[in-house]
Amino acid sequence: MMPTKKYSSDALTVVFPDGTKTFINPHLLAKQGVSDDNLTLIRHSHVYKWQLYKEMEEAHNPHDLQVIAKKVEQLEFYQQELWGFPKNACYHKFWNMPQCECPALDNSELYGTGQRVYADFCPIHGQAWVGKSE
């Protein structure tokens, strides 16, 4: 078993602008060999994603939602890179985005397979989605 690096509580805590918190998994940090610099960037990336989600909550048209969704997707690729994982959209939980109407249960079951279920009426991923490859 590899020795686990001891992290301070502050190093593992992400505090969002509204005061809520989440915590970074220290076991995964150790397993992936994440550097202290990348840990700092991971924490900052979570705050940025929170901010993008807030923008999505306040958006009033599909175009704005789609533009922000593309930023979220790029951020999730960056987060995978920071963690030392291959960049792979199969591990993005796109259905958790604010205002997404795609079926969460179906997509949760398909998570990691590369298959996705879109709702035609979803303002982000529906018929007019600019990022849709089909």
C-alpha atoms as a PDB file:
ATOM      1  CA  MET A   1       0.000   0.000   0.000  1.00  0.00           C
ATOM      2  CA  MET A   2       1.357   3.417  -0.923  1.00  0.00           C
ATOM      3  CA  PRO A   3       1.762   5.923   1.892  1.00  0.00           C
ATOM      4  CA  THR A   4      -0.996   8.498   1.913  1.00  0.00           C
ATOM      5  CA  LYS A   5       0.107  12.102   1.943  1.00  0.00           C
ATOM      6  CA  LYS A   6      -1.408  14.105   4.758  1.00  0.00           C
ATOM      7  CA  TYR A   7      -3.354  17.118   3.534  1.00  0.00           C
ATOM      8  CA  SER A   8      -4.649  19.924   5.677  1.00  0.00           C
ATOM      9  CA  SER A   9      -8.383  20.355   5.874  1.00  0.00           C
ATOM     10  CA  ASP A  10      -8.012  23.689   4.064  1.00  0.00           C
ATOM     11  CA  ALA A  11      -6.124  22.051   1.183  1.00  0.00           C
ATOM     12  CA  LEU A  12      -9.008  19.611   0.633  1.00  0.00           C
ATOM     13  CA  THR A  13     -11.852  22.086   1.075  1.00  0.00           C
ATOM     14  CA  VAL A  14     -13.547  23.939  -1.762  1.00  0.00           C
ATOM     15  CA  VAL A  15     -15.601  26.901  -0.555  1.00  0.00           C
ATOM     16  CA  PHE A  16     -18.105  28.252  -3.058  1.00  0.00           C
ATOM     17  CA  PRO A  17     -19.125  31.923  -3.204  1.00  0.00           C
ATOM     18  CA  ASP A  18     -22.404  31.150  -1.409  1.00  0.00           C
ATOM     19  CA  GLY A  19     -20.492  29.606   1.519  1.00  0.00           C
ATOM     20  CA  THR A  20     -21.285  25.973   0.753  1.00  0.00           C
ATOM     21  CA  LYS A  21     -18.380  23.559   0.769  1.00  0.00           C
ATOM     22  CA  THR A  22     -17.255  20.360  -0.853  1.00  0.00           C
ATOM     23  CA  PHE A  23     -14.178  18.288  -0.211  1.00  0.00           C
ATOM     24  CA  ILE A  24     -11.539  16.794  -2.478  1.00  0.00           C
ATOM     25  CA  ASN A  25     -10.957  13.039  -2.092  1.00  0.00           C
ATOM     26  CA  PRO A  26      -7.470  12.618  -0.527  1.00  0.00           C
ATOM     27  CA  HIS A  27      -7.293   8.919  -1.455  1.00  0.00           C
ATOM     28  CA  LEU A  28      -7.852   9.691  -5.129  1.00  0.00           C
ATOM     29  CA  LEU A  29      -5.280  12.489  -4.934  1.00  0.00           C
ATOM     30  CA  ALA A  30      -2.715  10.009  -3.636  1.00  0.00           C
ATOM     31  CA  LYS A  31      -3.687   7.277  -6.090  1.00  0.00           C
ATOM     32  CA  GLN A  32      -3.362   9.673  -9.038  1.00  0.00           C
ATOM     33  CA  GLY A  33      -0.216  11.349  -7.715  1.00  0.00           C
ATOM     34  CA  VAL A  34      -1.768  14.817  -8.018  1.00  0.00           C
ATOM     35  CA  SER A  35       0.728  17.605  -7.315  1.00  0.00           C
ATOM     36  CA  ASP A  36       0.045  20.364  -4.815  1.00  0.00           C
ATOM     37  CA  ASP A  37      -0.136  22.850  -7.690  1.00  0.00           C
ATOM     38  CA  ASN A  38      -2.747  20.735  -9.462  1.00  0.00           C
ATOM     39  CA  LEU A  39      -4.700  20.358  -6.220  1.00  0.00           C
ATOM     40  CA  THR A  40      -4.905  24.147  -6.014  1.00  0.00           C
ATOM     41  CA  LEU A  41      -6.052  24.293  -9.649  1.00  0.00           C
ATOM     42  CA  ILE A  42      -8.622  21.556  -9.004  1.00  0.00           C
ATOM     43  CA  ARG A  43     -10.095  23.557  -6.131  1.00  0.00           C
ATOM     44  CA  HIS A  44     -10.238  26.694  -8.301  1.00  0.00           C
ATOM     45  CA  SER A  45     -11.803  24.725 -11.166  1.00  0.00           C
ATOM     46  CA  HIS A  46     -14.634  23.579  -8.895  1.00  0.00           C
ATOM     47  CA  VAL A  47     -15.394  27.208  -8.005  1.00  0.00           C
ATOM     48  CA  TYR A  48     -15.346  28.151 -11.694  1.00  0.00           C
ATOM     49  CA  LYS A  49     -17.737  25.288 -12.514  1.00  0.00           C
ATOM     50  CA  TRP A  50     -20.044  26.478  -9.719  1.00  0.00           C
ATOM     51  CA  GLN A  51     -19.975  29.961 -11.287  1.00  0.00           C
ATOM     52  CA  LEU A  52     -20.779  28.551 -14.729  1.00  0.00           C
ATOM     53  CA  TYR A  53     -23.703  26.599 -13.249  1.00  0.00           C
ATOM     54  CA  LYS A  54     -24.996  29.815 -11.652  1.00  0.00           C
ATOM     55  CA  GLU A  55     -24.805  31.513 -15.059  1.00  0.00           C
ATOM     56  CA  MET A  56     -26.789  28.620 -16.523  1.00  0.00           C
ATOM     57  CA  GLU A  57     -29.434  28.941 -13.812  1.00  0.00           C
ATOM     58  CA  GLU A  58     -29.885  32.590 -14.783  1.00  0.00           C
ATOM     59  CA  ALA A  59     -29.763  32.138 -18.565  1.00  0.00           C
ATOM     60  CA  HIS A  60     -32.991  32.755 -20.457  1.00  0.00           C
ATOM     61  CA  ASN A  61     -32.363  31.313 -23.907  1.00  0.00           C
ATOM     62  CA  PRO A  62     -30.968  28.107 -25.416  1.00  0.00           C
ATOM     63  CA  HIS A  63     -28.082  29.821 -27.175  1.00  0.00           C
ATOM     64  CA  ASP A  64     -26.667  31.239 -23.934  1.00  0.00           C
ATOM     65  CA  LEU A  65     -27.142  27.860 -22.215  1.00  0.00           C
ATOM     66  CA  GLN A  66     -25.335  26.084 -25.039  1.00  0.00           C
ATOM     67  CA  VAL A  67     -22.408  28.510 -24.981  1.00  0.00           C
ATOM     68  CA  ILE A  68     -21.997  28.037 -21.229  1.00  0.00           C
ATOM     69  CA  ALA A  69     -22.424  24.251 -21.606  1.00  0.00           C
ATOM     70  CA  LYS A  70     -19.458  24.212 -23.996  1.00  0.00           C
ATOM     71  CA  LYS A  71     -17.399  26.058 -21.359  1.00  0.00           C
ATOM     72  CA  VAL A  72     -18.435  23.446 -18.776  1.00  0.00           C
ATOM     73  CA  GLU A  73     -17.400  20.655 -21.130  1.00  0.00           C
ATOM     74  CA  GLN A  74     -13.977  22.239 -21.716  1.00  0.00           C
ATOM     75  CA  LEU A  75     -13.571  22.733 -17.968  1.00  0.00           C
ATOM     76  CA  GLU A  76     -14.385  19.071 -17.326  1.00  0.00           C
ATOM     77  CA  PHE A  77     -11.697  18.032 -19.821  1.00  0.00           C
ATOM     78  CA  TYR A  78      -9.275  20.322 -17.971  1.00  0.00           C
ATOM     79  CA  GLN A  79     -10.282  18.778 -14.636  1.00  0.00           C
ATOM     80  CA  GLN A  80      -9.601  15.299 -16.015  1.00  0.00           C
ATOM     81  CA  GLU A  81      -6.164  16.497 -17.087  1.00  0.00           C
ATOM     82  CA  LEU A  82      -5.470  17.994 -13.631  1.00  0.00           C
ATOM     83  CA  TRP A  83      -6.401  14.695 -11.989  1.00  0.00           C
ATOM     84  CA  GLY A  84      -4.173  12.730 -14.360  1.00  0.00           C
ATOM     85  CA  PHE A  85      -7.029  10.997 -16.161  1.00  0.00           C
ATOM     86  CA  PRO A  86      -7.369  10.740 -19.936  1.00  0.00           C
ATOM     87  CA  LYS A  87      -9.667  13.352 -21.433  1.00  0.00           C
ATOM     88  CA  ASN A  88     -12.888  11.456 -22.037  1.00  0.00           C
ATOM     89  CA  ALA A  89     -16.379  12.947 -22.448  1.00  0.00           C
ATOM     90  CA  CYS A  90     -17.888   9.580 -21.447  1.00  0.00           C
ATOM     91  CA  TYR A  91     -17.195  10.637 -17.859  1.00  0.00           C
ATOM     92  CA  HIS A  92     -18.908  14.020 -18.026  1.00  0.00           C
ATOM     93  CA  LYS A  93     -22.269  14.138 -16.265  1.00  0.00           C
ATOM     94  CA  PHE A  94     -23.838  16.575 -18.724  1.00  0.00           C
ATOM     95  CA  TRP A  95     -27.371  15.842 -17.477  1.00  0.00           C
ATOM     96  CA  ASN A  96     -26.540  17.520 -14.138  1.00  0.00           C
ATOM     97  CA  MET A  97     -26.238  20.940 -15.782  1.00  0.00           C
ATOM     98  CA  PRO A  98     -28.845  23.480 -14.710  1.00  0.00           C
ATOM     99  CA  GLN A  99     -31.849  23.562 -17.049  1.00  0.00           C
ATOM    100  CA  CYS A 100     -30.847  20.287 -18.754  1.00  0.00           C
ATOM    101  CA  GLU A 101     -33.975  18.243 -19.471  1.00  0.00           C
ATOM    102  CA  CYS A 102     -32.196  15.064 -20.606  1.00  0.00           C
ATOM    103  CA  PRO A 103     -33.199  11.924 -18.673  1.00  0.00           C
ATOM    104  CA  ALA A 104     -30.943  11.661 -15.619  1.00  0.00           C
ATOM    105  CA  LEU A 105     -31.725   8.032 -14.788  1.00  0.00           C
ATOM    106  CA  ASP A 106     -31.053   6.788 -18.328  1.00  0.00           C
ATOM    107  CA  ASN A 107     -27.819   8.759 -18.569  1.00  0.00           C
ATOM    108  CA  SER A 108     -26.682   7.659 -15.098  1.00  0.00           C
ATOM    109  CA  GLU A 109     -27.124   4.041 -16.162  1.00  0.00           C
ATOM    110  CA  LEU A 110     -25.133   4.696 -19.359  1.00  0.00           C
ATOM    111  CA  TYR A 111     -22.392   6.659 -17.552  1.00  0.00           C
ATOM    112  CA  GLY A 112     -18.951   5.749 -18.861  1.00  0.00           C
ATOM    113  CA  THR A 113     -20.200   3.871 -21.937  1.00  0.00           C
ATOM    114  CA  GLY A 114     -20.144   6.745 -24.408  1.00  0.00           C
ATOM    115  CA  GLN A 115     -23.867   6.381 -25.052  1.00  0.00           C
ATOM    116  CA  ARG A 116     -26.102   9.319 -24.234  1.00  0.00           C
ATOM    117  CA  VAL A 117     -29.823   9.933 -24.177  1.00  0.00           C
ATOM    118  CA  TYR A 118     -30.897  13.432 -25.157  1.00  0.00           C
ATOM    119  CA  ALA A 119     -34.333  14.949 -24.798  1.00  0.00           C
ATOM    120  CA  ASP A 120     -35.451  16.722 -27.983  1.00  0.00           C
ATOM    121  CA  PHE A 121     -36.994  19.462 -25.850  1.00  0.00           C
ATOM    122  CA  CYS A 122     -33.840  20.055 -23.771  1.00  0.00           C
ATOM    123  CA  PRO A 123     -32.798  23.703 -24.213  1.00  0.00           C
ATOM    124  CA  ILE A 124     -29.141  22.647 -24.049  1.00  0.00           C
ATOM    125  CA  HIS A 125     -28.926  19.275 -25.790  1.00  0.00           C
ATOM    126  CA  GLY A 126     -32.124  19.143 -27.827  1.00  0.00           C
ATOM    127  CA  GLN A 127     -32.648  19.375 -31.584  1.00  0.00           C
ATOM    128  CA  ALA A 128     -30.847  22.689 -31.958  1.00  0.00           C
ATOM    129  CA  TRP A 129     -27.803  21.871 -29.840  1.00  0.00           C
ATOM    130  CA  VAL A 130     -24.732  23.325 -31.545  1.00  0.00           C
ATOM    131  CA  GLY A 131     -22.418  20.635 -30.116  1.00  0.00           C
ATOM    132  CA  LYS A 132     -24.520  17.644 -31.160  1.00  0.00           C
ATOM    133  CA  SER A 133     -22.598  15.395 -33.539  1.00  0.00           C
ATOM    134  CA  GLU A 134     -25.510  13.302 -34.790  1.00  0.00           C
END
